[in-house]
Structures are given as structure tokens and as C-alpha cells.
Amino acid sequence: LQAMAGGQLATAAELLGIPLEPLVVSNACA
């Protein structure tokens, strides 16, 4: 469940009590 960034951000939103709009960028070192 925590292997993908979407799941990680959903967990963060729940624990923080803040609704998040997850946007993930993946392009190596930068």
C-alpha cells in the first residue's frame, strides 16, 4: 500500500488531516 507515491500521499493526507491534491514527478536525480 505504501509502495506507490499515491498511496504514500493519501496516507499523509489522512494523518495530517489536510486534503491533498497529489501530483507526482519522476525524472531521476532532478
Full PDB file with SEQRES, HELIX, SHEET, SSBOND, CRYST1, ORIGX, SCALE, CONECT and MASTER records, all heavy atoms in Angstrom:
SEQRES   1 A   30  LEU GLN ALA MET ALA GLY GLY GLN LEU ALA THR ALA ALA          
SEQRES   2 A   30  GLU LEU LEU GLY ILE PRO LEU GLU PRO LEU VAL VAL SER          
SEQRES   3 A   30  ASN ALA CYS ALA                                              
HELIX    1 AA1 ALA A    5  LEU A   16  1                                  12    
CRYST1    1.000    1.000    1.000  90.00  90.00  90.00 P 1           1          
ORIGX1      1.000000  0.000000  0.000000        0.00000                         
ORIGX2      0.000000  1.000000  0.000000        0.00000                         
ORIGX3      0.000000  0.000000  1.000000        0.00000                         
SCALE1      1.000000  0.000000  0.000000        0.00000                         
SCALE2      0.000000  1.000000  0.000000        0.00000                         
SCALE3      0.000000  0.000000  1.000000        0.00000                         
ATOM      1  N   LEU A   1       0.827  -1.214   0.000  1.00  0.00           N  
ATOM      2  CA  LEU A   1       0.000   0.000   0.000  1.00  0.00           C  
ATOM      3  C   LEU A   1       0.856   1.257   0.000  1.00  0.00           C  
ATOM      4  O   LEU A   1       0.425   2.309  -0.462  1.00  0.00           O  
ATOM      5  CB  LEU A   1      -0.923   0.000   1.235  1.00  0.00           C  
ATOM      6  CG  LEU A   1      -1.997  -1.095   1.288  1.00  0.00           C  
ATOM      7  CD1 LEU A   1      -2.738  -1.028   2.614  1.00  0.00           C  
ATOM      8  CD2 LEU A   1      -2.966  -0.946   0.125  1.00  0.00           C  
ATOM      9  N   GLN A   2       2.076   1.130   0.542  1.00  0.00           N  
ATOM     10  CA  GLN A   2       2.983   2.281   0.599  1.00  0.00           C  
ATOM     11  C   GLN A   2       4.085   2.201  -0.462  1.00  0.00           C  
ATOM     12  O   GLN A   2       5.072   2.914  -0.383  1.00  0.00           O  
ATOM     13  CB  GLN A   2       3.625   2.364   1.989  1.00  0.00           C  
ATOM     14  CG  GLN A   2       2.641   2.425   3.127  1.00  0.00           C  
ATOM     15  CD  GLN A   2       1.765   3.649   3.075  1.00  0.00           C  
ATOM     16  OE1 GLN A   2       2.229   4.734   2.736  1.00  0.00           O  
ATOM     17  NE2 GLN A   2       0.491   3.506   3.404  1.00  0.00           N  
ATOM     18  N   ALA A   3       3.901   1.324  -1.447  1.00  0.00           N  
ATOM     19  CA  ALA A   3       4.936   1.159  -2.468  1.00  0.00           C  
ATOM     20  C   ALA A   3       4.822   2.186  -3.589  1.00  0.00           C  
ATOM     21  O   ALA A   3       5.760   2.362  -4.360  1.00  0.00           O  
ATOM     22  CB  ALA A   3       4.871  -0.251  -3.062  1.00  0.00           C  
ATOM     23  N   MET A   4       3.679   2.856  -3.696  1.00  0.00           N  
ATOM     24  CA  MET A   4       3.475   3.865  -4.727  1.00  0.00           C  
ATOM     25  C   MET A   4       3.271   5.232  -4.074  1.00  0.00           C  
ATOM     26  O   MET A   4       2.697   5.338  -2.986  1.00  0.00           O  
ATOM     27  CB  MET A   4       2.255   3.521  -5.585  1.00  0.00           C  
ATOM     28  CG  MET A   4       2.349   2.173  -6.281  1.00  0.00           C  
ATOM     29  SD  MET A   4       3.638   2.122  -7.547  1.00  0.00           S  
ATOM     30  CE  MET A   4       2.885   3.111  -8.832  1.00  0.00           C  
ATOM     31  N   ALA A   5       3.721   6.276  -4.760  1.00  0.00           N  
ATOM     32  CA  ALA A   5       3.657   7.628  -4.191  1.00  0.00           C  
ATOM     33  C   ALA A   5       2.227   8.056  -3.900  1.00  0.00           C  
ATOM     34  O   ALA A   5       1.973   8.771  -2.928  1.00  0.00           O  
ATOM     35  CB  ALA A   5       4.324   8.623  -5.136  1.00  0.00           C  
ATOM     36  N   GLY A   6       1.278   7.624  -4.734  1.00  0.00           N  
ATOM     37  CA  GLY A   6      -0.114   7.990  -4.498  1.00  0.00           C  
ATOM     38  C   GLY A   6      -0.610   7.484  -3.155  1.00  0.00           C  
ATOM     39  O   GLY A   6      -1.284   8.205  -2.414  1.00  0.00           O  
ATOM     40  N   GLY A   7      -0.259   6.238  -2.826  1.00  0.00           N  
ATOM     41  CA  GLY A   7      -0.630   5.678  -1.534  1.00  0.00           C  
ATOM     42  C   GLY A   7       0.055   6.390  -0.385  1.00  0.00           C  
ATOM     43  O   GLY A   7      -0.537   6.610   0.681  1.00  0.00           O  
ATOM     44  N   GLN A   8       1.308   6.774  -0.589  1.00  0.00           N  
ATOM     45  CA  GLN A   8       2.043   7.487   0.450  1.00  0.00           C  
ATOM     46  C   GLN A   8       1.412   8.851   0.724  1.00  0.00           C  
ATOM     47  O   GLN A   8       1.255   9.267   1.876  1.00  0.00           O  
ATOM     48  CB  GLN A   8       3.503   7.657   0.022  1.00  0.00           C  
ATOM     49  CG  GLN A   8       4.255   6.338  -0.055  1.00  0.00           C  
ATOM     50  CD  GLN A   8       5.648   6.497  -0.621  1.00  0.00           C  
ATOM     51  OE1 GLN A   8       5.846   7.163  -1.630  1.00  0.00           O  
ATOM     52  NE2 GLN A   8       6.624   5.899   0.029  1.00  0.00           N  
ATOM     53  N   LEU A   9       1.040   9.562  -0.336  1.00  0.00           N  
ATOM     54  CA  LEU A   9       0.439  10.880  -0.156  1.00  0.00           C  
ATOM     55  C   LEU A   9      -0.970  10.784   0.415  1.00  0.00           C  
ATOM     56  O   LEU A   9      -1.397  11.653   1.179  1.00  0.00           O  
ATOM     57  CB  LEU A   9       0.426  11.633  -1.492  1.00  0.00           C  
ATOM     58  CG  LEU A   9       1.811  12.058  -1.996  1.00  0.00           C  
ATOM     59  CD1 LEU A   9       1.718  12.675  -3.385  1.00  0.00           C  
ATOM     60  CD2 LEU A   9       2.446  13.057  -1.035  1.00  0.00           C  
ATOM     61  N   ALA A  10      -1.702   9.721   0.068  1.00  0.00           N  
ATOM     62  CA  ALA A  10      -3.026   9.523   0.650  1.00  0.00           C  
ATOM     63  C   ALA A  10      -2.908   9.291   2.154  1.00  0.00           C  
ATOM     64  O   ALA A  10      -3.709   9.813   2.944  1.00  0.00           O  
ATOM     65  CB  ALA A  10      -3.723   8.345  -0.021  1.00  0.00           C  
ATOM     66  N   THR A  11      -1.898   8.515   2.556  1.00  0.00           N  
ATOM     67  CA  THR A  11      -1.657   8.278   3.978  1.00  0.00           C  
ATOM     68  C   THR A  11      -1.275   9.574   4.681  1.00  0.00           C  
ATOM     69  O   THR A  11      -1.747   9.864   5.787  1.00  0.00           O  
ATOM     70  CB  THR A  11      -0.533   7.237   4.160  1.00  0.00           C  
ATOM     71  OG1 THR A  11      -0.960   5.998   3.598  1.00  0.00           O  
ATOM     72  CG2 THR A  11      -0.197   7.042   5.624  1.00  0.00           C  
ATOM     73  N   ALA A  12      -0.421  10.372   4.045  1.00  0.00           N  
ATOM     74  CA  ALA A  12      -0.019  11.655   4.626  1.00  0.00           C  
ATOM     75  C   ALA A  12      -1.225  12.572   4.806  1.00  0.00           C  
ATOM     76  O   ALA A  12      -1.370  13.225   5.842  1.00  0.00           O  
ATOM     77  CB  ALA A  12       1.031  12.321   3.743  1.00  0.00           C  
ATOM     78  N   ALA A  13      -2.110  12.614   3.818  1.00  0.00           N  
ATOM     79  CA  ALA A  13      -3.307  13.459   3.907  1.00  0.00           C  
ATOM     80  C   ALA A  13      -4.170  13.044   5.088  1.00  0.00           C  
ATOM     81  O   ALA A  13      -4.677  13.889   5.839  1.00  0.00           O  
ATOM     82  CB  ALA A  13      -4.098  13.366   2.603  1.00  0.00           C  
ATOM     83  N   GLU A  14      -4.326  11.735   5.268  1.00  0.00           N  
ATOM     84  CA  GLU A  14      -5.161  11.227   6.368  1.00  0.00           C  
ATOM     85  C   GLU A  14      -4.558  11.574   7.721  1.00  0.00           C  
ATOM     86  O   GLU A  14      -5.260  12.036   8.634  1.00  0.00           O  
ATOM     87  CB  GLU A  14      -5.310   9.712   6.228  1.00  0.00           C  
ATOM     88  CG  GLU A  14      -6.157   9.081   7.314  1.00  0.00           C  
ATOM     89  CD  GLU A  14      -6.276   7.570   7.156  1.00  0.00           C  
ATOM     90  OE1 GLU A  14      -5.823   7.040   6.117  1.00  0.00           O  
ATOM     91  OE2 GLU A  14      -6.816   6.928   8.071  1.00  0.00           O  
ATOM     92  N   LEU A  15      -3.247  11.369   7.864  1.00  0.00           N  
ATOM     93  CA  LEU A  15      -2.602  11.630   9.146  1.00  0.00           C  
ATOM     94  C   LEU A  15      -2.489  13.121   9.448  1.00  0.00           C  
ATOM     95  O   LEU A  15      -2.567  13.533  10.605  1.00  0.00           O  
ATOM     96  CB  LEU A  15      -1.218  10.975   9.172  1.00  0.00           C  
ATOM     97  CG  LEU A  15      -1.220   9.449   9.204  1.00  0.00           C  
ATOM     98  CD1 LEU A  15       0.191   8.906   9.062  1.00  0.00           C  
ATOM     99  CD2 LEU A  15      -1.845   8.938  10.500  1.00  0.00           C  
ATOM    100  N   LEU A  16      -2.296  13.928   8.411  1.00  0.00           N  
ATOM    101  CA  LEU A  16      -2.193  15.376   8.599  1.00  0.00           C  
ATOM    102  C   LEU A  16      -3.560  16.026   8.789  1.00  0.00           C  
ATOM    103  O   LEU A  16      -3.656  17.147   9.290  1.00  0.00           O  
ATOM    104  CB  LEU A  16      -1.487  16.022   7.397  1.00  0.00           C  
ATOM    105  CG  LEU A  16      -0.006  15.695   7.213  1.00  0.00           C  
ATOM    106  CD1 LEU A  16       0.474  16.166   5.846  1.00  0.00           C  
ATOM    107  CD2 LEU A  16       0.823  16.338   8.321  1.00  0.00           C  
ATOM    108  N   GLY A  17      -4.603  15.331   8.353  1.00  0.00           N  
ATOM    109  CA  GLY A  17      -5.935  15.916   8.433  1.00  0.00           C  
ATOM    110  C   GLY A  17      -6.125  17.043   7.449  1.00  0.00           C  
ATOM    111  O   GLY A  17      -6.911  17.965   7.670  1.00  0.00           O  
ATOM    112  N   ILE A  18      -5.393  16.981   6.334  1.00  0.00           N  
ATOM    113  CA  ILE A  18      -5.449  18.022   5.309  1.00  0.00           C  
ATOM    114  C   ILE A  18      -5.726  17.363   3.965  1.00  0.00           C  
ATOM    115  O   ILE A  18      -5.001  16.446   3.564  1.00  0.00           O  
ATOM    116  CB  ILE A  18      -4.125  18.805   5.239  1.00  0.00           C  
ATOM    117  CG1 ILE A  18      -3.883  19.572   6.539  1.00  0.00           C  
ATOM    118  CG2 ILE A  18      -4.125  19.773   4.059  1.00  0.00           C  
ATOM    119  CD1 ILE A  18      -2.574  20.333   6.569  1.00  0.00           C  
ATOM    120  N   PRO A  19      -6.746  17.800   3.236  1.00  0.00           N  
ATOM    121  CA  PRO A  19      -6.976  17.233   1.898  1.00  0.00           C  
ATOM    122  C   PRO A  19      -5.854  17.634   0.953  1.00  0.00           C  
ATOM    123  O   PRO A  19      -5.489  18.805   0.870  1.00  0.00           O  
ATOM    124  CB  PRO A  19      -8.317  17.855   1.481  1.00  0.00           C  
ATOM    125  CG  PRO A  19      -8.423  19.116   2.280  1.00  0.00           C  
ATOM    126  CD  PRO A  19      -7.740  18.837   3.581  1.00  0.00           C  
ATOM    127  N   LEU A  20      -5.293  16.664   0.260  1.00  0.00           N  
ATOM    128  CA  LEU A  20      -4.177  16.920  -0.653  1.00  0.00           C  
ATOM    129  C   LEU A  20      -4.568  16.582  -2.080  1.00  0.00           C  
ATOM    130  O   LEU A  20      -5.329  15.649  -2.327  1.00  0.00           O  
ATOM    131  CB  LEU A  20      -2.951  16.086  -0.263  1.00  0.00           C  
ATOM    132  CG  LEU A  20      -2.327  16.328   1.109  1.00  0.00           C  
ATOM    133  CD1 LEU A  20      -1.158  15.365   1.330  1.00  0.00           C  
ATOM    134  CD2 LEU A  20      -1.855  17.778   1.255  1.00  0.00           C  
ATOM    135  N   GLU A  21      -4.022  17.339  -3.012  1.00  0.00           N  
ATOM    136  CA  GLU A  21      -4.130  17.027  -4.442  1.00  0.00           C  
ATOM    137  C   GLU A  21      -2.781  16.451  -4.857  1.00  0.00           C  
ATOM    138  O   GLU A  21      -1.826  17.193  -5.099  1.00  0.00           O  
ATOM    139  CB  GLU A  21      -4.435  18.292  -5.244  1.00  0.00           C  
ATOM    140  CG  GLU A  21      -4.492  18.058  -6.748  1.00  0.00           C  
ATOM    141  CD  GLU A  21      -4.504  19.354  -7.532  1.00  0.00           C  
ATOM    142  OE1 GLU A  21      -4.629  20.437  -6.950  1.00  0.00           O  
ATOM    143  OE2 GLU A  21      -4.355  19.264  -8.775  1.00  0.00           O  
ATOM    144  N   PRO A  22      -2.642  15.126  -4.913  1.00  0.00           N  
ATOM    145  CA  PRO A  22      -1.326  14.531  -5.173  1.00  0.00           C  
ATOM    146  C   PRO A  22      -0.875  14.691  -6.618  1.00  0.00           C  
ATOM    147  O   PRO A  22      -1.615  14.393  -7.548  1.00  0.00           O  
ATOM    148  CB  PRO A  22      -1.532  13.062  -4.817  1.00  0.00           C  
ATOM    149  CG  PRO A  22      -2.988  12.824  -5.041  1.00  0.00           C  
ATOM    150  CD  PRO A  22      -3.683  14.108  -4.718  1.00  0.00           C  
ATOM    151  N   LEU A  23       0.331  15.176  -6.784  1.00  0.00           N  
ATOM    152  CA  LEU A  23       0.944  15.343  -8.099  1.00  0.00           C  
ATOM    153  C   LEU A  23       2.370  14.808  -7.996  1.00  0.00           C  
ATOM    154  O   LEU A  23       3.162  15.319  -7.214  1.00  0.00           O  
ATOM    155  CB  LEU A  23       0.954  16.818  -8.516  1.00  0.00           C  
ATOM    156  CG  LEU A  23      -0.431  17.485  -8.566  1.00  0.00           C  
ATOM    157  CD1 LEU A  23      -0.300  18.988  -8.472  1.00  0.00           C  
ATOM    158  CD2 LEU A  23      -1.138  17.100  -9.846  1.00  0.00           C  
ATOM    159  N   VAL A  24       2.697  13.781  -8.765  1.00  0.00           N  
ATOM    160  CA  VAL A  24       3.987  13.096  -8.626  1.00  0.00           C  
ATOM    161  C   VAL A  24       4.849  13.324  -9.862  1.00  0.00           C  
ATOM    162  O   VAL A  24       4.386  13.175 -10.992  1.00  0.00           O  
ATOM    163  CB  VAL A  24       3.788  11.588  -8.394  1.00  0.00           C  
ATOM    164  CG1 VAL A  24       5.129  10.885  -8.243  1.00  0.00           C  
ATOM    165  CG2 VAL A  24       2.923  11.353  -7.154  1.00  0.00           C  
ATOM    166  N   VAL A  25       6.093  13.699  -9.628  1.00  0.00           N  
ATOM    167  CA  VAL A  25       7.074  13.913 -10.696  1.00  0.00           C  
ATOM    168  C   VAL A  25       8.171  12.872 -10.548  1.00  0.00           C  
ATOM    169  O   VAL A  25       8.655  12.632  -9.439  1.00  0.00           O  
ATOM    170  CB  VAL A  25       7.702  15.324 -10.613  1.00  0.00           C  
ATOM    171  CG1 VAL A  25       8.718  15.523 -11.730  1.00  0.00           C  
ATOM    172  CG2 VAL A  25       6.625  16.401 -10.687  1.00  0.00           C  
ATOM    173  N   SER A  26       8.563  12.239 -11.630  1.00  0.00           N  
ATOM    174  CA  SER A  26       9.631  11.242 -11.566  1.00  0.00           C  
ATOM    175  C   SER A  26      10.545  11.397 -12.773  1.00  0.00           C  
ATOM    176  O   SER A  26      10.204  11.013 -13.885  1.00  0.00           O  
ATOM    177  CB  SER A  26       9.043   9.826 -11.534  1.00  0.00           C  
ATOM    178  OG  SER A  26      10.078   8.863 -11.425  1.00  0.00           O  
ATOM    179  N   ASN A  27      11.701  12.017 -12.570  1.00  0.00           N  
ATOM    180  CA  ASN A  27      12.679  12.160 -13.658  1.00  0.00           C  
ATOM    181  C   ASN A  27      14.108  12.097 -13.118  1.00  0.00           C  
ATOM    182  O   ASN A  27      14.917  12.979 -13.328  1.00  0.00           O  
ATOM    183  CB  ASN A  27      12.441  13.443 -14.463  1.00  0.00           C  
ATOM    184  CG  ASN A  27      12.446  14.686 -13.609  1.00  0.00           C  
ATOM    185  OD1 ASN A  27      12.637  14.622 -12.405  1.00  0.00           O  
ATOM    186  ND2 ASN A  27      12.248  15.839 -14.228  1.00  0.00           N  
ATOM    187  N   ALA A  28      14.363  11.025 -12.368  1.00  0.00           N  
ATOM    188  CA  ALA A  28      15.697  10.701 -11.870  1.00  0.00           C  
ATOM    189  C   ALA A  28      16.229  11.753 -10.900  1.00  0.00           C  
ATOM    190  O   ALA A  28      15.489  12.257 -10.068  1.00  0.00           O  
ATOM    191  CB  ALA A  28      16.652  10.463 -13.035  1.00  0.00           C  
ATOM    192  N   CYS A  29      17.495  12.110 -11.030  1.00  0.00           N  
ATOM    193  CA  CYS A  29      18.175  12.894  -9.998  1.00  0.00           C  
ATOM    194  C   CYS A  29      17.598  14.289  -9.794  1.00  0.00           C  
ATOM    195  O   CYS A  29      17.730  14.859  -8.711  1.00  0.00           O  
ATOM    196  CB  CYS A  29      19.661  12.999 -10.324  1.00  0.00           C  
ATOM    197  SG  CYS A  29      20.514  11.418 -10.343  1.00  0.00           S  
ATOM    198  N   ALA A  30      16.969  14.855 -10.799  1.00  0.00           N  
ATOM    199  CA  ALA A  30      16.437  16.219 -10.693  1.00  0.00           C  
ATOM    200  C   ALA A  30      14.998  16.252 -10.227  1.00  0.00           C  
ATOM    201  O   ALA A  30      14.360  17.301 -10.235  1.00  0.00           O  
ATOM    202  CB  ALA A  30      16.552  16.921 -12.049  1.00  0.00           C  
TER     203      ALA A  30                                                      
MASTER        0    0    0    1    0    0    0    6  202    1    0    3          
END                                                                             
